[in-house]
Amino acid sequence: MLEIVDKARNEIKTWTKSMNDDIAKRQKVCDDGNCAVCQIYHKNYCIDCKSPKVQSNGKCVETCPAGTFDYNVKGSIRCSDCSKRCKTCKGKSTKCTSCKSGLLLQEDYCLEACGNGFETLDS
């Protein structure tokens, strides 16, 4: 049994075939032509985008914006925020590729100081 939260109505519902039918109807009326599935009560909020677009905060975009990374959810590409220490990341929120100001990148992590056996290089 699958239960879903209906935030618009503040209730929990059990998934039914009629909900599948309702979603199928709503897919045809999404505001964004790049959107494959939009939110039931908000047709301008996209849940899944048509390839090659990716979903970011309810919109279909070309690539994930800075400070986010892309990940695959059952064939749909979505963007998610990097950890608060990462300026950019790849593959998961904590795998940093660059750091926010004042932090140092060491083996995919953003640290306040170098770990044992490491030192900063002046460039």
PDB file of N, CA and C in Angstrom:
ATOM      1  N   MET A   1       0.840  -1.164   0.000  1.00  0.00           N
ATOM      2  CA  MET A   1       0.000   0.000   0.000  1.00  0.00           C
ATOM      3  C   MET A   1       0.895   1.240   0.000  1.00  0.00           C
ATOM      4  N   LEU A   2       0.585   2.207  -0.821  1.00  0.00           N
ATOM      5  CA  LEU A   2       1.346   3.432  -0.919  1.00  0.00           C
ATOM      6  C   LEU A   2       0.485   4.580  -0.420  1.00  0.00           C
ATOM      7  N   GLU A   3       1.037   5.353   0.511  1.00  0.00           N
ATOM      8  CA  GLU A   3       0.324   6.526   1.006  1.00  0.00           C
ATOM      9  C   GLU A   3       1.052   7.762   0.535  1.00  0.00           C
ATOM     10  N   ILE A   4       0.297   8.786   0.184  1.00  0.00           N
ATOM     11  CA  ILE A   4       0.882  10.047  -0.258  1.00  0.00           C
ATOM     12  C   ILE A   4       0.339  11.176   0.600  1.00  0.00           C
ATOM     13  N   VAL A   5       1.137  12.234   0.708  1.00  0.00           N
ATOM     14  CA  VAL A   5       0.711  13.410   1.457  1.00  0.00           C
ATOM     15  C   VAL A   5       0.183  14.433   0.466  1.00  0.00           C
ATOM     16  N   ASP A   6      -1.033  14.875   0.680  1.00  0.00           N
ATOM     17  CA  ASP A   6      -1.652  15.917  -0.126  1.00  0.00           C
ATOM     18  C   ASP A   6      -1.456  17.223   0.629  1.00  0.00           C
ATOM     19  N   LYS A   7      -0.389  17.968   0.303  1.00  0.00           N
ATOM     20  CA  LYS A   7      -0.065  19.191   1.032  1.00  0.00           C
ATOM     21  C   LYS A   7      -1.121  20.264   0.834  1.00  0.00           C
ATOM     22  N   ALA A   8      -1.749  20.306  -0.341  1.00  0.00           N
ATOM     23  CA  ALA A   8      -2.761  21.318  -0.609  1.00  0.00           C
ATOM     24  C   ALA A   8      -3.959  21.163   0.322  1.00  0.00           C
ATOM     25  N   ARG A   9      -4.259  19.930   0.678  1.00  0.00           N
ATOM     26  CA  ARG A   9      -5.418  19.669   1.543  1.00  0.00           C
ATOM     27  C   ARG A   9      -5.012  19.210   2.939  1.00  0.00           C
ATOM     28  N   ASN A  10      -3.690  19.128   3.203  1.00  0.00           N
ATOM     29  CA  ASN A  10      -3.153  18.730   4.505  1.00  0.00           C
ATOM     30  C   ASN A  10      -3.729  17.395   4.986  1.00  0.00           C
ATOM     31  N   GLU A  11      -3.604  16.371   4.133  1.00  0.00           N
ATOM     32  CA  GLU A  11      -4.099  15.053   4.512  1.00  0.00           C
ATOM     33  C   GLU A  11      -3.260  13.967   3.858  1.00  0.00           C
ATOM     34  N   ILE A  12      -3.342  12.768   4.411  1.00  0.00           N
ATOM     35  CA  ILE A  12      -2.648  11.609   3.850  1.00  0.00           C
ATOM     36  C   ILE A  12      -3.679  10.751   3.139  1.00  0.00           C
ATOM     37  N   LYS A  13      -3.345  10.312   1.923  1.00  0.00           N
ATOM     38  CA  LYS A  13      -4.266   9.496   1.130  1.00  0.00           C
ATOM     39  C   LYS A  13      -3.598   8.182   0.746  1.00  0.00           C
ATOM     40  N   THR A  14      -4.392   7.162   0.556  1.00  0.00           N
ATOM     41  CA  THR A  14      -3.912   5.898   0.020  1.00  0.00           C
ATOM     42  C   THR A  14      -4.004   5.980  -1.497  1.00  0.00           C
ATOM     43  N   TRP A  15      -2.909   5.601  -2.174  1.00  0.00           N
ATOM     44  CA  TRP A  15      -2.845   5.671  -3.638  1.00  0.00           C
ATOM     45  C   TRP A  15      -3.864   4.723  -4.245  1.00  0.00           C
ATOM     46  N   THR A  16      -4.625   5.212  -5.207  1.00  0.00           N
ATOM     47  CA  THR A  16      -5.652   4.392  -5.853  1.00  0.00           C
ATOM     48  C   THR A  16      -5.539   4.506  -7.364  1.00  0.00           C
ATOM     49  N   LYS A  17      -6.220   3.624  -8.072  1.00  0.00           N
ATOM     50  CA  LYS A  17      -6.219   3.674  -9.530  1.00  0.00           C
ATOM     51  C   LYS A  17      -6.815   4.982 -10.029  1.00  0.00           C
ATOM     52  N   SER A  18      -7.825   5.491  -9.352  1.00  0.00           N
ATOM     53  CA  SER A  18      -8.428   6.751  -9.788  1.00  0.00           C
ATOM     54  C   SER A  18      -7.417   7.899  -9.709  1.00  0.00           C
ATOM     55  N   MET A  19      -6.494   7.825  -8.746  1.00  0.00           N
ATOM     56  CA  MET A  19      -5.443   8.845  -8.677  1.00  0.00           C
ATOM     57  C   MET A  19      -4.530   8.745  -9.886  1.00  0.00           C
ATOM     58  N   ASN A  20      -4.221   7.514 -10.314  1.00  0.00           N
ATOM     59  CA  ASN A  20      -3.426   7.329 -11.529  1.00  0.00           C
ATOM     60  C   ASN A  20      -4.140   7.960 -12.715  1.00  0.00           C
ATOM     61  N   ASP A  21      -5.446   7.722 -12.816  1.00  0.00           N
ATOM     62  CA  ASP A  21      -6.231   8.288 -13.912  1.00  0.00           C
ATOM     63  C   ASP A  21      -6.237   9.809 -13.851  1.00  0.00           C
ATOM     64  N   ASP A  22      -6.369  10.365 -12.636  1.00  0.00           N
ATOM     65  CA  ASP A  22      -6.369  11.816 -12.455  1.00  0.00           C
ATOM     66  C   ASP A  22      -5.031  12.406 -12.869  1.00  0.00           C
ATOM     67  N   ILE A  23      -3.938  11.763 -12.487  1.00  0.00           N
ATOM     68  CA  ILE A  23      -2.601  12.240 -12.859  1.00  0.00           C
ATOM     69  C   ILE A  23      -2.434  12.177 -14.377  1.00  0.00           C
ATOM     70  N   ALA A  24      -2.912  11.094 -14.979  1.00  0.00           N
ATOM     71  CA  ALA A  24      -2.810  10.967 -16.438  1.00  0.00           C
ATOM     72  C   ALA A  24      -3.537  12.128 -17.130  1.00  0.00           C
ATOM     73  N   LYS A  25      -4.689  12.512 -16.615  1.00  0.00           N
ATOM     74  CA  LYS A  25      -5.426  13.646 -17.185  1.00  0.00           C
ATOM     75  C   LYS A  25      -4.648  14.937 -16.991  1.00  0.00           C
ATOM     76  N   ARG A  26      -4.065  15.123 -15.816  1.00  0.00           N
ATOM     77  CA  ARG A  26      -3.349  16.355 -15.512  1.00  0.00           C
ATOM     78  C   ARG A  26      -2.074  16.485 -16.342  1.00  0.00           C
ATOM     79  N   GLN A  27      -1.457  15.365 -16.708  1.00  0.00           N
ATOM     80  CA  GLN A  27      -0.227  15.412 -17.496  1.00  0.00           C
ATOM     81  C   GLN A  27      -0.454  16.145 -18.810  1.00  0.00           C
ATOM     82  N   LYS A  28      -1.647  16.077 -19.322  1.00  0.00           N
ATOM     83  CA  LYS A  28      -1.952  16.700 -20.608  1.00  0.00           C
ATOM     84  C   LYS A  28      -2.128  18.208 -20.502  1.00  0.00           C
ATOM     85  N   VAL A  29      -2.295  18.721 -19.280  1.00  0.00           N
ATOM     86  CA  VAL A  29      -2.576  20.145 -19.129  1.00  0.00           C
ATOM     87  C   VAL A  29      -1.485  20.899 -18.368  1.00  0.00           C
ATOM     88  N   CYS A  30      -0.287  20.340 -18.281  1.00  0.00           N
ATOM     89  CA  CYS A  30       0.812  21.043 -17.629  1.00  0.00           C
ATOM     90  C   CYS A  30       1.121  22.319 -18.419  1.00  0.00           C
ATOM     91  N   ASP A  31       1.419  23.397 -17.719  1.00  0.00           N
ATOM     92  CA  ASP A  31       1.702  24.671 -18.377  1.00  0.00           C
ATOM     93  C   ASP A  31       2.963  24.630 -19.230  1.00  0.00           C
ATOM     94  N   ASP A  32       3.996  23.936 -18.776  1.00  0.00           N
ATOM     95  CA  ASP A  32       5.279  23.874 -19.466  1.00  0.00           C
ATOM     96  C   ASP A  32       5.280  22.692 -20.432  1.00  0.00           C
ATOM     97  N   GLY A  33       5.496  22.952 -21.707  1.00  0.00           N
ATOM     98  CA  GLY A  33       5.523  21.892 -22.721  1.00  0.00           C
ATOM     99  C   GLY A  33       6.659  20.901 -22.534  1.00  0.00           C
ATOM    100  N   ASN A  34       7.693  21.273 -21.752  1.00  0.00           N
ATOM    101  CA  ASN A  34       8.806  20.374 -21.458  1.00  0.00           C
ATOM    102  C   ASN A  34       8.526  19.484 -20.258  1.00  0.00           C
ATOM    103  N   CYS A  35       7.401  19.696 -19.608  1.00  0.00           N
ATOM    104  CA  CYS A  35       7.044  18.960 -18.401  1.00  0.00           C
ATOM    105  C   CYS A  35       6.302  17.673 -18.761  1.00  0.00           C
ATOM    106  N   ALA A  36       6.771  16.552 -18.215  1.00  0.00           N
ATOM    107  CA  ALA A  36       6.104  15.270 -18.443  1.00  0.00           C
ATOM    108  C   ALA A  36       5.008  15.033 -17.399  1.00  0.00           C
ATOM    109  N   VAL A  37       5.260  15.440 -16.140  1.00  0.00           N
ATOM    110  CA  VAL A  37       4.289  15.282 -15.056  1.00  0.00           C
ATOM    111  C   VAL A  37       4.304  16.541 -14.212  1.00  0.00           C
ATOM    112  N   CYS A  38       3.129  17.136 -14.010  1.00  0.00           N
ATOM    113  CA  CYS A  38       3.064  18.311 -13.145  1.00  0.00           C
ATOM    114  C   CYS A  38       2.293  17.969 -11.875  1.00  0.00           C
ATOM    115  N   GLN A  39       2.431  18.839 -10.889  1.00  0.00           N
ATOM    116  CA  GLN A  39       1.751  18.616  -9.620  1.00  0.00           C
ATOM    117  C   GLN A  39       0.239  18.669  -9.835  1.00  0.00           C
ATOM    118  N   ILE A  40      -0.492  17.807  -9.142  1.00  0.00           N
ATOM    119  CA  ILE A  40      -1.934  17.673  -9.350  1.00  0.00           C
ATOM    120  C   ILE A  40      -2.663  19.003  -9.210  1.00  0.00           C
ATOM    121  N   TYR A  41      -2.393  19.767  -8.177  1.00  0.00           N
ATOM    122  CA  TYR A  41      -3.152  20.987  -7.927  1.00  0.00           C
ATOM    123  C   TYR A  41      -2.478  22.251  -8.439  1.00  0.00           C
ATOM    124  N   HIS A  42      -1.266  22.105  -8.979  1.00  0.00           N
ATOM    125  CA  HIS A  42      -0.534  23.256  -9.489  1.00  0.00           C
ATOM    126  C   HIS A  42       0.102  22.879 -10.819  1.00  0.00           C
ATOM    127  N   LYS A  43      -0.612  23.115 -11.916  1.00  0.00           N
ATOM    128  CA  LYS A  43      -0.140  22.657 -13.222  1.00  0.00           C
ATOM    129  C   LYS A  43       1.086  23.401 -13.730  1.00  0.00           C
ATOM    130  N   ASN A  44       1.512  24.452 -13.018  1.00  0.00           N
ATOM    131  CA  ASN A  44       2.747  25.139 -13.408  1.00  0.00           C
ATOM    132  C   ASN A  44       3.948  24.652 -12.601  1.00  0.00           C
ATOM    133  N   TYR A  45       3.756  23.658 -11.707  1.00  0.00           N
ATOM    134  CA  TYR A  45       4.860  23.081 -10.930  1.00  0.00           C
ATOM    135  C   TYR A  45       5.169  21.697 -11.499  1.00  0.00           C
ATOM    136  N   CYS A  46       6.316  21.567 -12.147  1.00  0.00           N
ATOM    137  CA  CYS A  46       6.673  20.316 -12.812  1.00  0.00           C
ATOM    138  C   CYS A  46       7.377  19.357 -11.848  1.00  0.00           C
ATOM    139  N   ILE A  47       6.980  18.093 -11.885  1.00  0.00           N
ATOM    140  CA  ILE A  47       7.603  17.057 -11.066  1.00  0.00           C
ATOM    141  C   ILE A  47       8.643  16.298 -11.891  1.00  0.00           C
ATOM    142  N   ASP A  48       8.311  15.952 -13.128  1.00  0.00           N
ATOM    143  CA  ASP A  48       9.227  15.263 -14.042  1.00  0.00           C
ATOM    144  C   ASP A  48       9.243  15.985 -15.376  1.00  0.00           C
ATOM    145  N   CYS A  49      10.431  16.139 -15.948  1.00  0.00           N
ATOM    146  CA  CYS A  49      10.593  16.833 -17.230  1.00  0.00           C
ATOM    147  C   CYS A  49      10.881  15.836 -18.348  1.00  0.00           C
ATOM    148  N   LYS A  50      10.538  16.253 -19.550  1.00  0.00           N
ATOM    149  CA  LYS A  50      10.862  15.450 -20.724  1.00  0.00           C
ATOM    150  C   LYS A  50      12.347  15.609 -21.023  1.00  0.00           C
ATOM    151  N   SER A  51      13.000  14.511 -21.382  1.00  0.00           N
ATOM    152  CA  SER A  51      14.420  14.531 -21.720  1.00  0.00           C
ATOM    153  C   SER A  51      14.630  15.441 -22.918  1.00  0.00           C
ATOM    154  N   PRO A  52      15.667  16.211 -22.963  1.00  0.00           N
ATOM    155  CA  PRO A  52      16.862  16.242 -22.127  1.00  0.00           C
ATOM    156  C   PRO A  52      16.781  17.243 -20.972  1.00  0.00           C
ATOM    157  N   LYS A  53      15.627  17.838 -20.712  1.00  0.00           N
ATOM    158  CA  LYS A  53      15.481  18.811 -19.623  1.00  0.00           C
ATOM    159  C   LYS A  53      15.598  18.122 -18.268  1.00  0.00           C
ATOM    160  N   VAL A  54      15.950  18.916 -17.247  1.00  0.00           N
ATOM    161  CA  VAL A  54      16.045  18.412 -15.883  1.00  0.00           C
ATOM    162  C   VAL A  54      15.136  19.250 -14.990  1.00  0.00           C
ATOM    163  N   GLN A  55      14.639  18.645 -13.911  1.00  0.00           N
ATOM    164  CA  GLN A  55      13.718  19.328 -13.009  1.00  0.00           C
ATOM    165  C   GLN A  55      14.484  20.029 -11.900  1.00  0.00           C
ATOM    166  N   SER A  56      14.220  21.327 -11.747  1.00  0.00           N
ATOM    167  CA  SER A  56      14.851  22.113 -10.688  1.00  0.00           C
ATOM    168  C   SER A  56      13.804  23.035 -10.074  1.00  0.00           C
ATOM    169  N   ASN A  57      13.455  22.774  -8.819  1.00  0.00           N
ATOM    170  CA  ASN A  57      12.474  23.610  -8.105  1.00  0.00           C
ATOM    171  C   ASN A  57      11.175  23.800  -8.893  1.00  0.00           C
ATOM    172  N   GLY A  58      10.682  22.716  -9.480  1.00  0.00           N
ATOM    173  CA  GLY A  58       9.394  22.766 -10.162  1.00  0.00           C
ATOM    174  C   GLY A  58       9.430  23.280 -11.584  1.00  0.00           C
ATOM    175  N   LYS A  59      10.617  23.568 -12.102  1.00  0.00           N
ATOM    176  CA  LYS A  59      10.771  24.070 -13.472  1.00  0.00           C
ATOM    177  C   LYS A  59      11.635  23.111 -14.279  1.00  0.00           C
ATOM    178  N   CYS A  60      11.443  23.099 -15.599  1.00  0.00           N
ATOM    179  CA  CYS A  60      12.275  22.293 -16.498  1.00  0.00           C
ATOM    180  C   CYS A  60      13.369  23.196 -17.058  1.00  0.00           C
ATOM    181  N   VAL A  61      14.627  22.807 -16.829  1.00  0.00           N
ATOM    182  CA  VAL A  61      15.773  23.627 -17.235  1.00  0.00           C
ATOM    183  C   VAL A  61      16.767  22.774 -18.030  1.00  0.00           C
ATOM    184  N   GLU A  62      17.692  23.454 -18.719  1.00  0.00           N
ATOM    185  CA  GLU A  62      18.709  22.768 -19.522  1.00  0.00           C
ATOM    186  C   GLU A  62      19.680  21.983 -18.644  1.00  0.00           C
ATOM    187  N   THR A  63      20.213  22.643 -17.610  1.00  0.00           N
ATOM    188  CA  THR A  63      21.173  22.024 -16.692  1.00  0.00           C
ATOM    189  C   THR A  63      20.862  22.491 -15.275  1.00  0.00           C
ATOM    190  N   CYS A  64      21.350  21.747 -14.313  1.00  0.00           N
ATOM    191  CA  CYS A  64      21.150  22.130 -12.915  1.00  0.00           C
ATOM    192  C   CYS A  64      21.898  23.425 -12.627  1.00  0.00           C
ATOM    193  N   PRO A  65      21.280  24.346 -11.885  1.00  0.00           N
ATOM    194  CA  PRO A  65      21.943  25.609 -11.570  1.00  0.00           C
ATOM    195  C   PRO A  65      23.120  25.430 -10.608  1.00  0.00           C
ATOM    196  N   ALA A  66      23.964  26.455 -10.517  1.00  0.00           N
ATOM    197  CA  ALA A  66      25.109  26.428  -9.597  1.00  0.00           C
ATOM    198  C   ALA A  66      24.621  26.135  -8.181  1.00  0.00           C
ATOM    199  N   GLY A  67      25.403  25.345  -7.454  1.00  0.00           N
ATOM    200  CA  GLY A  67      25.048  24.996  -6.082  1.00  0.00           C
ATOM    201  C   GLY A  67      24.121  23.795  -5.981  1.00  0.00           C
ATOM    202  N   THR A  68      23.859  23.156  -7.135  1.00  0.00           N
ATOM    203  CA  THR A  68      23.034  21.943  -7.156  1.00  0.00           C
ATOM    204  C   THR A  68      23.733  20.877  -7.990  1.00  0.00           C
ATOM    205  N   PHE A  69      23.256  19.649  -7.884  1.00  0.00           N
ATOM    206  CA  PHE A  69      23.787  18.548  -8.690  1.00  0.00           C
ATOM    207  C   PHE A  69      22.616  17.759  -9.250  1.00  0.00           C
ATOM    208  N   ASP A  70      22.872  17.020 -10.342  1.00  0.00           N
ATOM    209  CA  ASP A  70      21.800  16.226 -10.940  1.00  0.00           C
ATOM    210  C   ASP A  70      21.861  14.779 -10.477  1.00  0.00           C
ATOM    211  N   TYR A  71      20.682  14.175 -10.314  1.00  0.00           N
ATOM    212  CA  TYR A  71      20.587  12.768  -9.936  1.00  0.00           C
ATOM    213  C   TYR A  71      19.378  12.149 -10.628  1.00  0.00           C
ATOM    214  N   ASN A  72      19.437  10.849 -10.798  1.00  0.00           N
ATOM    215  CA  ASN A  72      18.418  10.117 -11.534  1.00  0.00           C
ATOM    216  C   ASN A  72      17.433   9.456 -10.570  1.00  0.00           C
ATOM    217  N   VAL A  73      16.147   9.712 -10.786  1.00  0.00           N
ATOM    218  CA  VAL A  73      15.083   9.076 -10.011  1.00  0.00           C
ATOM    219  C   VAL A  73      14.185   8.342 -11.008  1.00  0.00           C
ATOM    220  N   LYS A  74      14.404   7.046 -11.122  1.00  0.00           N
ATOM    221  CA  LYS A  74      13.597   6.213 -12.034  1.00  0.00           C
ATOM    222  C   LYS A  74      13.534   6.800 -13.447  1.00  0.00           C
ATOM    223  N   GLY A  75      14.680   7.212 -13.960  1.00  0.00           N
ATOM    224  CA  GLY A  75      14.757   7.711 -15.330  1.00  0.00           C
ATOM    225  C   GLY A  75      14.504   9.203 -15.480  1.00  0.00           C
ATOM    226  N   SER A  76      14.122   9.871 -14.428  1.00  0.00           N
ATOM    227  CA  SER A  76      13.882  11.311 -14.462  1.00  0.00           C
ATOM    228  C   SER A  76      15.058  12.019 -13.773  1.00  0.00           C
ATOM    229  N   ILE A  77      15.624  13.012 -14.441  1.00  0.00           N
ATOM    230  CA  ILE A  77      16.763  13.734 -13.876  1.00  0.00           C
ATOM    231  C   ILE A  77      16.248  14.934 -13.083  1.00  0.00           C
ATOM    232  N   ARG A  78      16.715  15.040 -11.846  1.00  0.00           N
ATOM    233  CA  ARG A  78      16.310  16.137 -10.960  1.00  0.00           C
ATOM    234  C   ARG A  78      17.539  16.806 -10.382  1.00  0.00           C
ATOM    235  N   CYS A  79      17.370  18.041  -9.933  1.00  0.00           N
ATOM    236  CA  CYS A  79      18.449  18.796  -9.305  1.00  0.00           C
ATOM    237  C   CYS A  79      18.199  18.848  -7.804  1.00  0.00           C
ATOM    238  N   SER A  80      19.276  18.754  -7.050  1.00  0.00           N
ATOM    239  CA  SER A  80      19.187  18.836  -5.603  1.00  0.00           C
ATOM    240  C   SER A  80      20.325  19.708  -5.095  1.00  0.00           C
ATOM    241  N   ASP A  81      20.124  20.352  -3.958  1.00  0.00           N
ATOM    242  CA  ASP A  81      21.121  21.263  -3.409  1.00  0.00           C
ATOM    243  C   ASP A  81      22.388  20.542  -2.955  1.00  0.00           C
ATOM    244  N   CYS A  82      23.532  21.194  -3.186  1.00  0.00           N
ATOM    245  CA  CYS A  82      24.795  20.740  -2.614  1.00  0.00           C
ATOM    246  C   CYS A  82      24.764  21.036  -1.118  1.00  0.00           C
ATOM    247  N   SER A  83      25.650  20.393  -0.361  1.00  0.00           N
ATOM    248  CA  SER A  83      25.728  20.672   1.074  1.00  0.00           C
ATOM    249  C   SER A  83      26.100  22.135   1.285  1.00  0.00           C
ATOM    250  N   LYS A  84      25.841  22.644   2.472  1.00  0.00           N
ATOM    251  CA  LYS A  84      26.047  24.074   2.729  1.00  0.00           C
ATOM    252  C   LYS A  84      27.501  24.507   2.619  1.00  0.00           C
ATOM    253  N   ARG A  85      28.459  23.594   2.697  1.00  0.00           N
ATOM    254  CA  ARG A  85      29.876  23.945   2.573  1.00  0.00           C
ATOM    255  C   ARG A  85      30.344  23.976   1.111  1.00  0.00           C
ATOM    256  N   CYS A  86      29.667  23.246   0.236  1.00  0.00           N
ATOM    257  CA  CYS A  86      30.073  23.168  -1.174  1.00  0.00           C
ATOM    258  C   CYS A  86      29.560  24.359  -1.970  1.00  0.00           C
ATOM    259  N   LYS A  87      30.426  24.894  -2.822  1.00  0.00           N
ATOM    260  CA  LYS A  87      29.984  25.880  -3.811  1.00  0.00           C
ATOM    261  C   LYS A  87      29.389  25.135  -4.994  1.00  0.00           C
ATOM    262  N   THR A  88      30.063  24.041  -5.399  1.00  0.00           N
ATOM    263  CA  THR A  88      29.559  23.133  -6.430  1.00  0.00           C
ATOM    264  C   THR A  88      29.822  21.703  -5.976  1.00  0.00           C
ATOM    265  N   CYS A  89      29.032  20.760  -6.493  1.00  0.00           N
ATOM    266  CA  CYS A  89      29.205  19.352  -6.134  1.00  0.00           C
ATOM    267  C   CYS A  89      28.802  18.483  -7.313  1.00  0.00           C
ATOM    268  N   LYS A  90      29.123  17.197  -7.222  1.00  0.00           N
ATOM    269  CA  LYS A  90      28.802  16.271  -8.315  1.00  0.00           C
ATOM    270  C   LYS A  90      28.452  14.906  -7.750  1.00  0.00           C
ATOM    271  N   GLY A  91      27.338  14.350  -8.217  1.00  0.00           N
ATOM    272  CA  GLY A  91      26.962  12.982  -7.844  1.00  0.00           C
ATOM    273  C   GLY A  91      26.190  12.844  -6.549  1.00  0.00           C
ATOM    274  N   LYS A  92      26.558  13.620  -5.530  1.00  0.00           N
ATOM    275  CA  LYS A  92      25.815  13.654  -4.279  1.00  0.00           C
ATOM    276  C   LYS A  92      26.115  14.968  -3.566  1.00  0.00           C
ATOM    277  N   SER A  93      25.277  15.332  -2.632  1.00  0.00           N
ATOM    278  CA  SER A  93      25.358  16.665  -2.024  1.00  0.00           C
ATOM    279  C   SER A  93      26.671  16.932  -1.305  1.00  0.00           C
ATOM    280  N   THR A  94      27.317  15.893  -0.800  1.00  0.00           N
ATOM    281  CA  THR A  94      28.548  16.082  -0.020  1.00  0.00           C
ATOM    282  C   THR A  94      29.824  15.841  -0.818  1.00  0.00           C
ATOM    283  N   LYS A  95      29.734  15.549  -2.109  1.00  0.00           N
ATOM    284  CA  LYS A  95      30.926  15.356  -2.942  1.00  0.00           C
ATOM    285  C   LYS A  95      31.250  16.687  -3.629  1.00  0.00           C
ATOM    286  N   CYS A  96      31.961  17.526  -2.908  1.00  0.00           N
ATOM    287  CA  CYS A  96      32.246  18.886  -3.367  1.00  0.00           C
ATOM    288  C   CYS A  96      33.268  18.890  -4.506  1.00  0.00           C
ATOM    289  N   THR A  97      33.063  19.794  -5.466  1.00  0.00           N
ATOM    290  CA  THR A  97      34.053  20.022  -6.518  1.00  0.00           C
ATOM    291  C   THR A  97      34.679  21.409  -6.356  1.00  0.00           C
ATOM    292  N   SER A  98      34.034  22.279  -5.576  1.00  0.00           N
ATOM    293  CA  SER A  98      34.603  23.566  -5.165  1.00  0.00           C
ATOM    294  C   SER A  98      33.916  23.971  -3.865  1.00  0.00           C
ATOM    295  N   CYS A  99      34.560  24.868  -3.129  1.00  0.00           N
ATOM    296  CA  CYS A  99      34.071  25.222  -1.788  1.00  0.00           C
ATOM    297  C   CYS A  99      33.655  26.678  -1.700  1.00  0.00           C
ATOM    298  N   LYS A 100      32.803  26.962  -0.728  1.00  0.00           N
ATOM    299  CA  LYS A 100      32.434  28.339  -0.433  1.00  0.00           C
ATOM    300  C   LYS A 100      33.636  29.046   0.165  1.00  0.00           C
ATOM    301  N   SER A 101      33.624  30.352   0.111  1.00  0.00           N
ATOM    302  CA  SER A 101      34.742  31.185   0.561  1.00  0.00           C
ATOM    303  C   SER A 101      35.196  30.826   1.976  1.00  0.00           C
ATOM    304  N   GLY A 102      36.520  30.742   2.135  1.00  0.00           N
ATOM    305  CA  GLY A 102      37.104  30.455   3.440  1.00  0.00           C
ATOM    306  C   GLY A 102      37.302  28.981   3.733  1.00  0.00           C
ATOM    307  N   LEU A 103      36.818  28.113   2.848  1.00  0.00           N
ATOM    308  CA  LEU A 103      36.968  26.667   3.053  1.00  0.00           C
ATOM    309  C   LEU A 103      37.937  26.097   2.029  1.00  0.00           C
ATOM    310  N   LEU A 104      38.545  24.970   2.369  1.00  0.00           N
ATOM    311  CA  LEU A 104      39.536  24.309   1.507  1.00  0.00           C
ATOM    312  C   LEU A 104      38.991  22.976   1.025  1.00  0.00           C
ATOM    313  N   LEU A 105      39.213  22.667  -0.252  1.00  0.00           N
ATOM    314  CA  LEU A 105      38.772  21.391  -0.822  1.00  0.00           C
ATOM    315  C   LEU A 105      39.836  20.333  -0.581  1.00  0.00           C
ATOM    316  N   GLN A 106      39.440  19.253   0.074  1.00  0.00           N
ATOM    317  CA  GLN A 106      40.341  18.124   0.309  1.00  0.00           C
ATOM    318  C   GLN A 106      39.562  16.843   0.097  1.00  0.00           C
ATOM    319  N   GLU A 107      39.935  16.097  -0.942  1.00  0.00           N
ATOM    320  CA  GLU A 107      39.316  14.802  -1.257  1.00  0.00           C
ATOM    321  C   GLU A 107      37.787  14.874  -1.227  1.00  0.00           C
ATOM    322  N   ASP A 108      37.206  15.775  -1.989  1.00  0.00           N
ATOM    323  CA  ASP A 108      35.757  15.951  -2.153  1.00  0.00           C
ATOM    324  C   ASP A 108      35.049  16.603  -0.976  1.00  0.00           C
ATOM    325  N   TYR A 109      35.779  17.034   0.034  1.00  0.00           N
ATOM    326  CA  TYR A 109      35.155  17.672   1.204  1.00  0.00           C
ATOM    327  C   TYR A 109      35.672  19.090   1.364  1.00  0.00           C
ATOM    328  N   CYS A 110      34.838  19.974   1.868  1.00  0.00           N
ATOM    329  CA  CYS A 110      35.237  21.343   2.155  1.00  0.00           C
ATOM    330  C   CYS A 110      35.500  21.466   3.646  1.00  0.00           C
ATOM    331  N   LEU A 111      36.754  21.814   3.981  1.00  0.00           N
ATOM    332  CA  LEU A 111      37.199  21.858   5.370  1.00  0.00           C
ATOM    333  C   LEU A 111      37.701  23.250   5.729  1.00  0.00           C
ATOM    334  N   GLU A 112      37.715  23.547   7.018  1.00  0.00           N
ATOM    335  CA  GLU A 112      38.221  24.829   7.487  1.00  0.00           C
ATOM    336  C   GLU A 112      39.748  24.857   7.490  1.00  0.00           C
ATOM    337  N   ALA A 113      40.369  23.693   7.616  1.00  0.00           N
ATOM    338  CA  ALA A 113      41.836  23.595   7.607  1.00  0.00           C
ATOM    339  C   ALA A 113      42.217  22.255   6.982  1.00  0.00           C
ATOM    340  N   CYS A 114      43.436  22.149   6.495  1.00  0.00           N
ATOM    341  CA  CYS A 114      43.920  20.900   5.911  1.00  0.00           C
ATOM    342  C   CYS A 114      44.005  19.804   6.980  1.00  0.00           C
ATOM    343  N   GLY A 115      43.731  18.582   6.579  1.00  0.00           N
ATOM    344  CA  GLY A 115      43.854  17.437   7.482  1.00  0.00           C
ATOM    345  C   GLY A 115      45.295  17.035   7.653  1.00  0.00           C
ATOM    346  N   ASN A 116      45.546  16.106   8.548  1.00  0.00           N
ATOM    347  CA  ASN A 116      46.911  15.601   8.810  1.00  0.00           C
ATOM    348  C   ASN A 116      47.567  15.130   7.526  1.00  0.00           C
ATOM    349  N   GLY A 117      48.808  15.537   7.313  1.00  0.00           N
ATOM    350  CA  GLY A 117      49.568  15.119   6.138  1.00  0.00           C
ATOM    351  C   GLY A 117      49.320  15.977   4.911  1.00  0.00           C
ATOM    352  N   PHE A 118      48.497  17.027   5.015  1.00  0.00           N
ATOM    353  CA  PHE A 118      48.208  17.908   3.895  1.00  0.00           C
ATOM    354  C   PHE A 118      48.594  19.330   4.267  1.00  0.00           C
ATOM    355  N   GLU A 119      48.900  20.138   3.237  1.00  0.00           N
ATOM    356  CA  GLU A 119      49.182  21.546   3.460  1.00  0.00           C
ATOM    357  C   GLU A 119      48.656  22.337   2.290  1.00  0.00           C
ATOM    358  N   THR A 120      48.377  23.614   2.521  1.00  0.00           N
ATOM    359  CA  THR A 120      47.864  24.478   1.447  1.00  0.00           C
ATOM    360  C   THR A 120      49.012  24.853   0.520  1.00  0.00           C
ATOM    361  N   LEU A 121      48.703  25.025  -0.733  1.00  0.00           N
ATOM    362  CA  LEU A 121      49.674  25.467  -1.740  1.00  0.00           C
ATOM    363  C   LEU A 121      49.334  26.871  -2.145  1.00  0.00           C
ATOM    364  N   ASP A 122      50.287  27.764  -2.160  1.00  0.00           N
ATOM    365  CA  ASP A 122      50.077  29.133  -2.638  1.00  0.00           C
ATOM    366  C   ASP A 122      50.089  29.103  -4.149  1.00  0.00           C
ATOM    367  N   SER A 123      49.119  29.782  -4.762  1.00  0.00           N
ATOM    368  CA  SER A 123      49.091  29.811  -6.228  1.00  0.00           C
ATOM    369  C   SER A 123      49.329  31.185  -6.778  1.00  0.00           C
TER     370      SER A 123
END
